[in-house]
Amino acid sequence: MICAKKLLEKAMIACDPLKTEQNIHMRRRHGLLHGLGIGAAVLLTGCSSTLLSRPASTSSRPSDSYNSKRNDVAMVALSLLDTPYAWGGRGPATGFDCSGLVAHVLREGAGLRVKGSAADLGRLSRPIDRADLLPGDLVFFNTLGARHSHVGVYVGDGRFVHASNPRTGVRIDMLNKPYYAQRFEGAHSLLD
């Protein structure tokens, strides 16, 4: 289980305007990280209760009850924000590429062992409707002119965590951001 205090401290440090040049990048995301800190606190309150209230859904997927495995996957993904990007990277010490991040998050958060490229993960996972996305599901994009050339972990509210590139490392983005919306190829799941 991810330590709630550590995650909230990371979000608070990222919002501190008095930090050094390393946080210049983080200040740009002040509003988003502040919201994530609050969101993390809300998610973590679910750790002490059995149900997390969600809006009614017409989905065929179970979304009305608290799911600790999905919560853990989302929290692991969020805890890795700002980890460096490394092509072929598979861990926080060396950095991540997109598929390495997903494999690490699923192993640490759900106990699932998967490996391979983003395209391999696309073949291993089952497609789901975008409207049925739940935290812990995978989102795929065509960013290199090839099917499923990029993958991220959906964390809720239209957001996903992914190892973007060497300049930005592990970051959070919105599915409706024009760059990703134009390249979105589908939602998949390995959970439930």
N, C-alpha and C. Protein backbone atom coordinates (compact mmCIF):
# COMPACT_ATOMS: atom_id res chain seq x y z
N MET A 1 0.86 -1.19 0.00
CA MET A 1 0.00 0.00 0.00
C MET A 1 0.89 1.23 0.00
N ILE A 2 0.57 2.18 -0.79
CA ILE A 2 1.35 3.41 -0.88
C ILE A 2 1.08 4.25 0.36
N CYS A 3 2.11 4.80 0.91
CA CYS A 3 1.99 5.64 2.10
C CYS A 3 1.29 6.95 1.72
N ALA A 4 0.14 7.21 2.30
CA ALA A 4 -0.63 8.41 1.98
C ALA A 4 0.16 9.66 2.31
N LYS A 5 0.88 9.63 3.40
CA LYS A 5 1.65 10.81 3.80
C LYS A 5 2.69 11.17 2.74
N LYS A 6 3.38 10.16 2.21
CA LYS A 6 4.42 10.40 1.21
C LYS A 6 3.83 11.01 -0.06
N LEU A 7 2.69 10.49 -0.50
CA LEU A 7 2.05 11.01 -1.71
C LEU A 7 1.59 12.45 -1.50
N LEU A 8 0.98 12.72 -0.36
CA LEU A 8 0.52 14.08 -0.09
C LEU A 8 1.69 15.04 0.06
N GLU A 9 2.78 14.58 0.68
CA GLU A 9 3.97 15.43 0.79
C GLU A 9 4.51 15.77 -0.59
N LYS A 10 4.52 14.80 -1.50
CA LYS A 10 5.02 15.05 -2.86
C LYS A 10 4.15 16.10 -3.55
N ALA A 11 2.84 15.98 -3.40
CA ALA A 11 1.95 16.96 -4.01
C ALA A 11 2.15 18.34 -3.39
N MET A 12 2.38 18.39 -2.07
CA MET A 12 2.56 19.68 -1.40
C MET A 12 3.90 20.31 -1.79
N ILE A 13 4.96 19.50 -1.88
CA ILE A 13 6.26 20.03 -2.29
C ILE A 13 6.17 20.60 -3.69
N ALA A 14 5.43 19.91 -4.55
CA ALA A 14 5.30 20.36 -5.93
C ALA A 14 4.59 21.72 -6.00
N CYS A 15 3.78 22.02 -5.01
CA CYS A 15 3.03 23.28 -5.02
C CYS A 15 3.75 24.39 -4.25
N ASP A 16 4.89 24.13 -3.63
CA ASP A 16 5.61 25.12 -2.84
C ASP A 16 6.38 26.07 -3.74
N PRO A 17 5.99 27.34 -3.79
CA PRO A 17 6.65 28.28 -4.70
C PRO A 17 8.06 28.68 -4.27
N LEU A 18 8.51 28.27 -3.09
CA LEU A 18 9.82 28.66 -2.61
C LEU A 18 10.91 27.65 -2.95
N LYS A 19 10.57 26.57 -3.62
CA LYS A 19 11.56 25.55 -3.96
C LYS A 19 12.44 26.02 -5.10
N THR A 20 13.54 25.31 -5.33
CA THR A 20 14.54 25.68 -6.32
C THR A 20 14.05 25.47 -7.74
N GLU A 21 14.94 25.66 -8.72
CA GLU A 21 14.58 25.60 -10.13
C GLU A 21 13.96 24.28 -10.54
N GLN A 22 14.22 23.22 -9.79
CA GLN A 22 13.60 21.94 -10.12
C GLN A 22 12.09 22.05 -10.08
N ASN A 23 11.56 22.92 -9.23
CA ASN A 23 10.12 23.03 -9.11
C ASN A 23 9.50 24.06 -10.06
N ILE A 24 10.30 24.70 -10.88
CA ILE A 24 9.72 25.61 -11.85
C ILE A 24 8.72 24.87 -12.71
N HIS A 25 9.13 23.69 -13.17
CA HIS A 25 8.24 22.84 -13.96
C HIS A 25 7.00 22.48 -13.16
N MET A 26 7.19 22.20 -11.89
CA MET A 26 6.08 21.78 -11.05
C MET A 26 5.08 22.90 -10.80
N ARG A 27 5.56 24.14 -10.69
CA ARG A 27 4.65 25.26 -10.45
C ARG A 27 3.66 25.43 -11.58
N ARG A 28 4.05 25.06 -12.80
CA ARG A 28 3.13 25.15 -13.93
C ARG A 28 1.92 24.26 -13.72
N ARG A 29 2.12 23.21 -12.96
CA ARG A 29 1.05 22.25 -12.72
C ARG A 29 0.42 22.44 -11.34
N HIS A 30 0.61 23.62 -10.76
CA HIS A 30 0.13 23.89 -9.41
C HIS A 30 -1.34 23.51 -9.23
N GLY A 31 -2.17 24.00 -10.09
CA GLY A 31 -3.59 23.73 -9.96
C GLY A 31 -3.91 22.25 -10.06
N LEU A 32 -3.28 21.58 -11.03
CA LEU A 32 -3.53 20.16 -11.22
C LEU A 32 -3.05 19.36 -10.03
N LEU A 33 -1.84 19.62 -9.55
CA LEU A 33 -1.31 18.87 -8.43
C LEU A 33 -2.07 19.16 -7.14
N HIS A 34 -2.49 20.41 -6.98
CA HIS A 34 -3.30 20.73 -5.81
C HIS A 34 -4.56 19.89 -5.82
N GLY A 35 -5.19 19.82 -7.00
CA GLY A 35 -6.38 18.99 -7.15
C GLY A 35 -6.09 17.52 -6.91
N LEU A 36 -4.92 17.07 -7.37
CA LEU A 36 -4.55 15.67 -7.14
C LEU A 36 -4.32 15.40 -5.67
N GLY A 37 -3.72 16.36 -4.97
CA GLY A 37 -3.50 16.18 -3.54
C GLY A 37 -4.82 16.01 -2.81
N ILE A 38 -5.78 16.84 -3.17
CA ILE A 38 -7.11 16.72 -2.57
C ILE A 38 -7.75 15.41 -3.00
N GLY A 39 -7.60 15.09 -4.30
CA GLY A 39 -8.15 13.84 -4.82
C GLY A 39 -7.53 12.63 -4.13
N ALA A 40 -6.22 12.68 -3.89
CA ALA A 40 -5.54 11.58 -3.21
C ALA A 40 -6.08 11.43 -1.80
N ALA A 41 -6.28 12.55 -1.13
CA ALA A 41 -6.81 12.50 0.23
C ALA A 41 -8.20 11.88 0.23
N VAL A 42 -9.02 12.25 -0.75
CA VAL A 42 -10.37 11.68 -0.86
C VAL A 42 -10.29 10.19 -1.14
N LEU A 43 -9.42 9.79 -2.09
CA LEU A 43 -9.27 8.37 -2.39
C LEU A 43 -8.79 7.59 -1.18
N LEU A 44 -7.88 8.17 -0.44
CA LEU A 44 -7.32 7.46 0.70
C LEU A 44 -8.30 7.34 1.85
N THR A 45 -9.29 8.21 1.92
CA THR A 45 -10.30 8.02 2.96
C THR A 45 -11.06 6.73 2.71
N GLY A 46 -11.08 6.30 1.46
CA GLY A 46 -11.71 5.02 1.13
C GLY A 46 -11.00 3.85 1.76
N CYS A 47 -9.73 4.02 2.15
CA CYS A 47 -8.99 2.93 2.77
C CYS A 47 -9.60 2.54 4.10
N SER A 48 -10.34 3.43 4.73
CA SER A 48 -10.92 3.12 6.02
C SER A 48 -12.40 2.78 5.93
N SER A 49 -12.94 2.82 4.73
CA SER A 49 -14.34 2.47 4.56
C SER A 49 -14.46 1.39 3.51
N THR A 50 -15.64 0.82 3.41
CA THR A 50 -15.82 -0.27 2.45
C THR A 50 -16.37 0.21 1.13
N LEU A 51 -17.00 1.37 1.10
CA LEU A 51 -17.58 1.84 -0.15
C LEU A 51 -17.11 3.24 -0.49
N LEU A 52 -16.93 3.47 -1.76
CA LEU A 52 -16.62 4.80 -2.27
C LEU A 52 -17.78 5.17 -3.17
N SER A 53 -18.49 6.20 -2.83
CA SER A 53 -19.67 6.57 -3.60
C SER A 53 -19.28 7.07 -4.98
N ARG A 54 -19.92 6.56 -5.99
CA ARG A 54 -19.68 6.95 -7.38
C ARG A 54 -21.02 7.25 -8.02
N PRO A 55 -21.04 8.10 -9.04
CA PRO A 55 -22.29 8.37 -9.71
C PRO A 55 -22.82 7.13 -10.40
N ALA A 56 -24.12 7.10 -10.58
CA ALA A 56 -24.75 5.97 -11.27
C ALA A 56 -24.17 5.84 -12.66
N SER A 57 -24.01 4.61 -13.10
CA SER A 57 -23.40 4.36 -14.40
C SER A 57 -24.25 3.37 -15.18
N THR A 58 -24.26 3.54 -16.49
CA THR A 58 -24.96 2.58 -17.34
C THR A 58 -23.99 1.51 -17.82
N SER A 59 -22.79 1.53 -17.31
CA SER A 59 -21.74 0.60 -17.71
C SER A 59 -22.06 -0.81 -17.26
N SER A 60 -21.56 -1.77 -18.01
CA SER A 60 -21.70 -3.16 -17.61
C SER A 60 -20.59 -3.57 -16.64
N ARG A 61 -19.63 -2.68 -16.41
CA ARG A 61 -18.53 -2.96 -15.49
C ARG A 61 -18.92 -2.53 -14.09
N PRO A 62 -18.52 -3.29 -13.08
CA PRO A 62 -18.85 -2.91 -11.70
C PRO A 62 -18.08 -1.65 -11.30
N SER A 63 -18.80 -0.59 -11.00
CA SER A 63 -18.12 0.65 -10.63
C SER A 63 -18.70 1.27 -9.37
N ASP A 64 -19.65 0.59 -8.74
CA ASP A 64 -20.32 1.19 -7.61
C ASP A 64 -19.66 0.89 -6.27
N SER A 65 -18.74 -0.03 -6.22
CA SER A 65 -18.12 -0.32 -4.94
C SER A 65 -16.63 0.02 -4.97
N TYR A 66 -16.11 0.29 -3.80
CA TYR A 66 -14.70 0.61 -3.65
C TYR A 66 -13.87 -0.60 -4.08
N ASN A 67 -12.85 -0.37 -4.87
CA ASN A 67 -12.00 -1.44 -5.36
C ASN A 67 -10.56 -1.14 -4.95
N SER A 68 -10.07 -1.82 -3.93
CA SER A 68 -8.74 -1.52 -3.39
C SER A 68 -7.64 -1.77 -4.42
N LYS A 69 -7.78 -2.77 -5.26
CA LYS A 69 -6.74 -3.06 -6.24
C LYS A 69 -6.63 -1.91 -7.24
N ARG A 70 -7.76 -1.43 -7.74
CA ARG A 70 -7.75 -0.30 -8.68
C ARG A 70 -7.19 0.95 -8.01
N ASN A 71 -7.59 1.19 -6.78
CA ASN A 71 -7.10 2.34 -6.02
C ASN A 71 -5.58 2.24 -5.86
N ASP A 72 -5.09 1.06 -5.53
CA ASP A 72 -3.66 0.87 -5.37
C ASP A 72 -2.90 1.12 -6.66
N VAL A 73 -3.43 0.63 -7.78
CA VAL A 73 -2.78 0.84 -9.08
C VAL A 73 -2.70 2.34 -9.38
N ALA A 74 -3.80 3.06 -9.18
CA ALA A 74 -3.81 4.50 -9.43
C ALA A 74 -2.84 5.23 -8.51
N MET A 75 -2.79 4.85 -7.24
CA MET A 75 -1.91 5.51 -6.29
C MET A 75 -0.44 5.24 -6.61
N VAL A 76 -0.10 4.03 -7.03
CA VAL A 76 1.28 3.73 -7.42
C VAL A 76 1.65 4.60 -8.61
N ALA A 77 0.76 4.68 -9.60
CA ALA A 77 1.04 5.51 -10.78
C ALA A 77 1.27 6.97 -10.38
N LEU A 78 0.41 7.51 -9.53
CA LEU A 78 0.55 8.90 -9.10
C LEU A 78 1.82 9.13 -8.29
N SER A 79 2.24 8.13 -7.54
CA SER A 79 3.44 8.28 -6.72
C SER A 79 4.71 8.37 -7.57
N LEU A 80 4.63 8.00 -8.84
CA LEU A 80 5.81 8.00 -9.71
C LEU A 80 5.93 9.24 -10.58
N LEU A 81 5.04 10.22 -10.38
CA LEU A 81 5.13 11.45 -11.15
C LEU A 81 6.52 12.05 -11.01
N ASP A 82 7.04 12.56 -12.11
CA ASP A 82 8.37 13.20 -12.19
C ASP A 82 9.54 12.22 -12.16
N THR A 83 9.27 10.92 -12.20
CA THR A 83 10.37 9.96 -12.36
C THR A 83 10.93 10.16 -13.76
N PRO A 84 12.23 10.09 -13.94
CA PRO A 84 12.81 10.30 -15.27
C PRO A 84 12.37 9.26 -16.30
N TYR A 85 12.37 9.68 -17.55
CA TYR A 85 12.11 8.79 -18.68
C TYR A 85 13.42 8.11 -19.06
N ALA A 86 13.36 6.81 -19.33
CA ALA A 86 14.52 6.08 -19.85
C ALA A 86 14.00 5.02 -20.81
N TRP A 87 14.45 5.07 -22.06
CA TRP A 87 14.01 4.09 -23.03
C TRP A 87 14.40 2.70 -22.53
N GLY A 88 13.44 1.79 -22.45
CA GLY A 88 13.67 0.45 -21.93
C GLY A 88 13.70 0.39 -20.42
N GLY A 89 13.48 1.53 -19.74
CA GLY A 89 13.52 1.59 -18.28
C GLY A 89 12.35 0.85 -17.65
N ARG A 90 12.63 0.15 -16.57
CA ARG A 90 11.62 -0.68 -15.92
C ARG A 90 11.48 -0.42 -14.43
N GLY A 91 12.14 0.60 -13.90
CA GLY A 91 12.05 0.83 -12.46
C GLY A 91 12.33 2.27 -12.08
N PRO A 92 11.91 2.67 -10.88
CA PRO A 92 12.11 4.05 -10.45
C PRO A 92 13.58 4.45 -10.36
N ALA A 93 14.46 3.52 -10.08
CA ALA A 93 15.88 3.85 -9.96
C ALA A 93 16.51 4.16 -11.31
N THR A 94 16.03 3.51 -12.37
CA THR A 94 16.61 3.70 -13.70
C THR A 94 15.75 4.59 -14.59
N GLY A 95 14.50 4.79 -14.21
CA GLY A 95 13.56 5.52 -15.04
C GLY A 95 12.66 4.54 -15.79
N PHE A 96 11.70 5.11 -16.52
CA PHE A 96 10.70 4.28 -17.20
C PHE A 96 10.52 4.73 -18.64
N ASP A 97 10.16 3.77 -19.50
CA ASP A 97 9.50 4.12 -20.74
C ASP A 97 8.03 3.80 -20.49
N CYS A 98 7.16 4.02 -21.48
CA CYS A 98 5.73 3.90 -21.19
C CYS A 98 5.32 2.49 -20.77
N SER A 99 5.81 1.47 -21.46
CA SER A 99 5.41 0.10 -21.12
C SER A 99 6.07 -0.35 -19.81
N GLY A 100 7.28 0.11 -19.55
CA GLY A 100 7.95 -0.21 -18.29
C GLY A 100 7.20 0.37 -17.10
N LEU A 101 6.70 1.59 -17.26
CA LEU A 101 5.91 2.22 -16.20
C LEU A 101 4.65 1.40 -15.92
N VAL A 102 3.94 1.03 -16.98
CA VAL A 102 2.70 0.26 -16.82
C VAL A 102 2.99 -1.08 -16.14
N ALA A 103 4.04 -1.77 -16.59
CA ALA A 103 4.38 -3.07 -15.98
C ALA A 103 4.70 -2.91 -14.50
N HIS A 104 5.46 -1.88 -14.15
CA HIS A 104 5.82 -1.63 -12.75
C HIS A 104 4.59 -1.31 -11.91
N VAL A 105 3.73 -0.45 -12.42
CA VAL A 105 2.54 -0.04 -11.69
C VAL A 105 1.60 -1.23 -11.46
N LEU A 106 1.40 -2.05 -12.49
CA LEU A 106 0.53 -3.22 -12.33
C LEU A 106 1.12 -4.24 -11.37
N ARG A 107 2.43 -4.40 -11.38
CA ARG A 107 3.08 -5.35 -10.46
C ARG A 107 2.96 -4.85 -9.02
N GLU A 108 3.30 -3.57 -8.80
CA GLU A 108 3.29 -3.03 -7.44
C GLU A 108 1.88 -2.81 -6.90
N GLY A 109 0.95 -2.38 -7.76
CA GLY A 109 -0.39 -2.05 -7.29
C GLY A 109 -1.38 -3.20 -7.31
N ALA A 110 -1.17 -4.17 -8.22
CA ALA A 110 -2.16 -5.24 -8.36
C ALA A 110 -1.56 -6.63 -8.33
N GLY A 111 -0.23 -6.72 -8.23
CA GLY A 111 0.40 -8.03 -8.20
C GLY A 111 0.40 -8.74 -9.54
N LEU A 112 0.16 -8.00 -10.63
CA LEU A 112 0.15 -8.59 -11.98
C LEU A 112 1.53 -8.46 -12.61
N ARG A 113 2.02 -9.52 -13.16
CA ARG A 113 3.32 -9.49 -13.85
C ARG A 113 3.07 -9.51 -15.35
N VAL A 114 3.38 -8.39 -15.98
CA VAL A 114 3.27 -8.28 -17.43
C VAL A 114 4.57 -7.71 -17.96
N LYS A 115 4.85 -7.98 -19.21
CA LYS A 115 6.05 -7.42 -19.81
C LYS A 115 5.81 -7.25 -21.30
N GLY A 116 6.71 -6.52 -21.92
CA GLY A 116 6.61 -6.30 -23.35
C GLY A 116 6.38 -4.84 -23.67
N SER A 117 6.24 -4.57 -24.94
CA SER A 117 6.04 -3.21 -25.45
C SER A 117 4.60 -2.77 -25.23
N ALA A 118 4.33 -1.51 -25.56
CA ALA A 118 2.95 -1.02 -25.50
C ALA A 118 2.05 -1.86 -26.39
N ALA A 119 2.53 -2.21 -27.59
CA ALA A 119 1.73 -3.04 -28.50
C ALA A 119 1.47 -4.42 -27.89
N ASP A 120 2.47 -4.99 -27.21
CA ASP A 120 2.28 -6.28 -26.54
C ASP A 120 1.22 -6.17 -25.46
N LEU A 121 1.26 -5.09 -24.68
CA LEU A 121 0.26 -4.88 -23.64
C LEU A 121 -1.13 -4.74 -24.24
N GLY A 122 -1.21 -4.11 -25.41
CA GLY A 122 -2.49 -4.00 -26.10
C GLY A 122 -3.05 -5.36 -26.49
N ARG A 123 -2.18 -6.27 -26.88
CA ARG A 123 -2.63 -7.62 -27.24
C ARG A 123 -3.00 -8.45 -26.01
N LEU A 124 -2.32 -8.22 -24.89
CA LEU A 124 -2.58 -8.98 -23.66
C LEU A 124 -3.87 -8.55 -22.95
N SER A 125 -4.23 -7.30 -23.09
CA SER A 125 -5.37 -6.75 -22.34
C SER A 125 -6.64 -6.82 -23.18
N ARG A 126 -7.77 -6.73 -22.50
CA ARG A 126 -9.05 -6.79 -23.21
C ARG A 126 -9.59 -5.39 -23.45
N PRO A 127 -10.09 -5.14 -24.66
CA PRO A 127 -10.65 -3.82 -24.96
C PRO A 127 -11.90 -3.55 -24.13
N ILE A 128 -12.07 -2.30 -23.74
CA ILE A 128 -13.28 -1.86 -23.05
C ILE A 128 -13.74 -0.56 -23.70
N ASP A 129 -14.97 -0.20 -23.47
CA ASP A 129 -15.49 1.06 -23.98
C ASP A 129 -14.87 2.22 -23.21
N ARG A 130 -14.56 3.29 -23.89
CA ARG A 130 -13.96 4.46 -23.23
C ARG A 130 -14.84 4.97 -22.09
N ALA A 131 -16.14 4.88 -22.26
CA ALA A 131 -17.07 5.34 -21.22
C ALA A 131 -16.97 4.48 -19.97
N ASP A 132 -16.41 3.28 -20.09
CA ASP A 132 -16.30 2.36 -18.96
C ASP A 132 -14.95 2.43 -18.25
N LEU A 133 -14.09 3.39 -18.61
CA LEU A 133 -12.77 3.50 -17.99
C LEU A 133 -12.89 3.66 -16.48
N LEU A 134 -12.07 2.89 -15.77
CA LEU A 134 -11.97 3.00 -14.32
C LEU A 134 -10.49 3.14 -13.96
N PRO A 135 -10.17 3.72 -12.82
CA PRO A 135 -8.76 3.80 -12.42
C PRO A 135 -8.09 2.43 -12.50
N GLY A 136 -6.89 2.42 -13.04
CA GLY A 136 -6.15 1.18 -13.20
C GLY A 136 -6.23 0.59 -14.59
N ASP A 137 -7.17 1.08 -15.40
CA ASP A 137 -7.26 0.61 -16.78
C ASP A 137 -6.15 1.24 -17.61
N LEU A 138 -5.94 0.72 -18.81
CA LEU A 138 -4.89 1.21 -19.69
C LEU A 138 -5.49 2.00 -20.84
N VAL A 139 -4.78 3.05 -21.24
CA VAL A 139 -5.19 3.84 -22.40
C VAL A 139 -4.07 3.81 -23.42
N PHE A 140 -4.44 3.60 -24.69
CA PHE A 140 -3.47 3.42 -25.76
C PHE A 140 -3.58 4.53 -26.80
N PHE A 141 -2.43 4.86 -27.37
CA PHE A 141 -2.34 5.94 -28.35
C PHE A 141 -1.43 5.52 -29.50
N ASN A 142 -1.65 6.14 -30.64
CA ASN A 142 -0.76 5.98 -31.79
C ASN A 142 0.05 7.27 -31.88
N THR A 143 1.23 7.27 -31.29
CA THR A 143 2.08 8.46 -31.28
C THR A 143 3.25 8.36 -32.24
N LEU A 144 3.48 7.17 -32.78
CA LEU A 144 4.64 6.97 -33.67
C LEU A 144 4.23 6.42 -35.04
N GLY A 145 2.96 6.56 -35.39
CA GLY A 145 2.50 6.02 -36.66
C GLY A 145 2.33 4.52 -36.62
N ALA A 146 2.22 3.95 -35.44
CA ALA A 146 2.02 2.51 -35.29
C ALA A 146 0.96 2.25 -34.21
N ARG A 147 0.15 1.24 -34.44
CA ARG A 147 -0.92 0.91 -33.50
C ARG A 147 -0.33 0.65 -32.11
N HIS A 148 -0.97 1.23 -31.11
CA HIS A 148 -0.60 1.05 -29.70
C HIS A 148 0.89 1.31 -29.47
N SER A 149 1.36 2.44 -29.97
CA SER A 149 2.77 2.77 -29.77
C SER A 149 3.03 3.50 -28.45
N HIS A 150 1.97 3.86 -27.72
CA HIS A 150 2.13 4.51 -26.42
C HIS A 150 1.00 4.05 -25.51
N VAL A 151 1.32 3.90 -24.20
CA VAL A 151 0.34 3.43 -23.23
C VAL A 151 0.49 4.20 -21.93
N GLY A 152 -0.63 4.38 -21.24
CA GLY A 152 -0.64 5.02 -19.93
C GLY A 152 -1.63 4.33 -19.02
N VAL A 153 -1.62 4.72 -17.75
CA VAL A 153 -2.53 4.17 -16.74
C VAL A 153 -3.58 5.23 -16.42
N TYR A 154 -4.83 4.88 -16.61
CA TYR A 154 -5.93 5.79 -16.30
C TYR A 154 -6.06 5.90 -14.78
N VAL A 155 -6.19 7.15 -14.27
CA VAL A 155 -6.30 7.36 -12.82
C VAL A 155 -7.60 8.03 -12.42
N GLY A 156 -8.50 8.24 -13.37
CA GLY A 156 -9.80 8.83 -13.07
C GLY A 156 -9.93 10.25 -13.54
N ASP A 157 -11.16 10.73 -13.64
CA ASP A 157 -11.48 12.10 -14.02
C ASP A 157 -10.85 12.53 -15.34
N GLY A 158 -10.75 11.60 -16.29
CA GLY A 158 -10.21 11.93 -17.61
C GLY A 158 -8.70 12.08 -17.63
N ARG A 159 -8.01 11.65 -16.57
CA ARG A 159 -6.56 11.81 -16.48
C ARG A 159 -5.86 10.46 -16.58
N PHE A 160 -4.64 10.50 -17.11
CA PHE A 160 -3.82 9.29 -17.16
C PHE A 160 -2.37 9.64 -16.86
N VAL A 161 -1.66 8.68 -16.29
CA VAL A 161 -0.24 8.83 -15.97
C VAL A 161 0.54 8.02 -17.00
N HIS A 162 1.62 8.62 -17.51
CA HIS A 162 2.42 7.93 -18.52
C HIS A 162 3.85 8.45 -18.50
N ALA A 163 4.76 7.63 -19.02
CA ALA A 163 6.15 8.04 -19.21
C ALA A 163 6.20 8.67 -20.59
N SER A 164 6.19 9.96 -20.62
CA SER A 164 5.97 10.71 -21.85
C SER A 164 7.20 10.75 -22.76
N ASN A 165 8.29 11.34 -22.27
CA ASN A 165 9.50 11.51 -23.09
C ASN A 165 10.66 11.93 -22.17
N PRO A 166 11.89 11.95 -22.70
CA PRO A 166 13.04 12.28 -21.84
C PRO A 166 12.99 13.69 -21.23
N ARG A 167 12.30 14.60 -21.86
CA ARG A 167 12.22 15.97 -21.34
C ARG A 167 11.28 16.07 -20.14
N THR A 168 10.16 15.36 -20.19
CA THR A 168 9.14 15.52 -19.14
C THR A 168 9.05 14.35 -18.18
N GLY A 169 9.55 13.18 -18.54
CA GLY A 169 9.48 12.02 -17.66
C GLY A 169 8.05 11.56 -17.42
N VAL A 170 7.82 10.97 -16.26
CA VAL A 170 6.49 10.47 -15.91
C VAL A 170 5.63 11.67 -15.53
N ARG A 171 4.49 11.77 -16.18
CA ARG A 171 3.62 12.93 -15.97
C ARG A 171 2.16 12.52 -16.06
N ILE A 172 1.31 13.45 -15.76
CA ILE A 172 -0.13 13.24 -15.86
C ILE A 172 -0.67 14.14 -16.95
N ASP A 173 -1.59 13.61 -17.75
CA ASP A 173 -2.22 14.38 -18.81
C ASP A 173 -3.70 14.06 -18.86
N MET A 174 -4.42 14.89 -19.60
CA MET A 174 -5.86 14.70 -19.80
C MET A 174 -6.09 13.98 -21.12
N LEU A 175 -7.03 13.05 -21.13
CA LEU A 175 -7.39 12.37 -22.37
C LEU A 175 -7.93 13.32 -23.41
N ASN A 176 -8.56 14.40 -22.98
CA ASN A 176 -9.15 15.34 -23.94
C ASN A 176 -8.17 16.42 -24.41
N LYS A 177 -6.93 16.37 -23.96
CA LYS A 177 -5.91 17.28 -24.47
C LYS A 177 -5.78 17.00 -25.97
N PRO A 178 -5.80 18.02 -26.82
CA PRO A 178 -5.84 17.78 -28.27
C PRO A 178 -4.82 16.77 -28.78
N TYR A 179 -3.59 16.83 -28.33
CA TYR A 179 -2.57 15.90 -28.82
C TYR A 179 -2.99 14.46 -28.57
N TYR A 180 -3.45 14.15 -27.36
CA TYR A 180 -3.82 12.78 -27.03
C TYR A 180 -5.20 12.41 -27.57
N ALA A 181 -6.12 13.35 -27.59
CA ALA A 181 -7.45 13.06 -28.13
C ALA A 181 -7.36 12.63 -29.60
N GLN A 182 -6.49 13.27 -30.37
CA GLN A 182 -6.33 12.94 -31.79
C GLN A 182 -5.64 11.59 -31.98
N ARG A 183 -4.89 11.14 -31.01
CA ARG A 183 -4.10 9.91 -31.17
C ARG A 183 -4.65 8.74 -30.34
N PHE A 184 -5.75 8.97 -29.62
CA PHE A 184 -6.33 7.94 -28.77
C PHE A 184 -6.78 6.74 -29.61
N GLU A 185 -6.38 5.54 -29.19
CA GLU A 185 -6.75 4.33 -29.93
C GLU A 185 -7.66 3.40 -29.16
N GLY A 186 -7.73 3.56 -27.87
CA GLY A 186 -8.64 2.69 -27.15
C GLY A 186 -8.28 2.51 -25.70
N ALA A 187 -9.24 2.00 -24.98
CA ALA A 187 -9.10 1.69 -23.56
C ALA A 187 -9.11 0.17 -23.43
N HIS A 188 -8.26 -0.33 -22.53
CA HIS A 188 -8.16 -1.76 -22.29
C HIS A 188 -8.05 -1.99 -20.79
N SER A 189 -8.24 -3.23 -20.38
CA SER A 189 -8.11 -3.54 -18.96
C SER A 189 -7.46 -4.91 -18.76
N LEU A 190 -6.73 -5.02 -17.67
CA LEU A 190 -6.21 -6.29 -17.19
C LEU A 190 -6.77 -6.58 -15.79
N LEU A 191 -7.63 -5.71 -15.28
CA LEU A 191 -8.19 -5.83 -13.94
C LEU A 191 -9.64 -6.28 -14.00
N ASP A 192 -10.13 -6.82 -12.89
CA ASP A 192 -11.51 -7.31 -12.70
C ASP A 192 -11.73 -8.64 -13.26
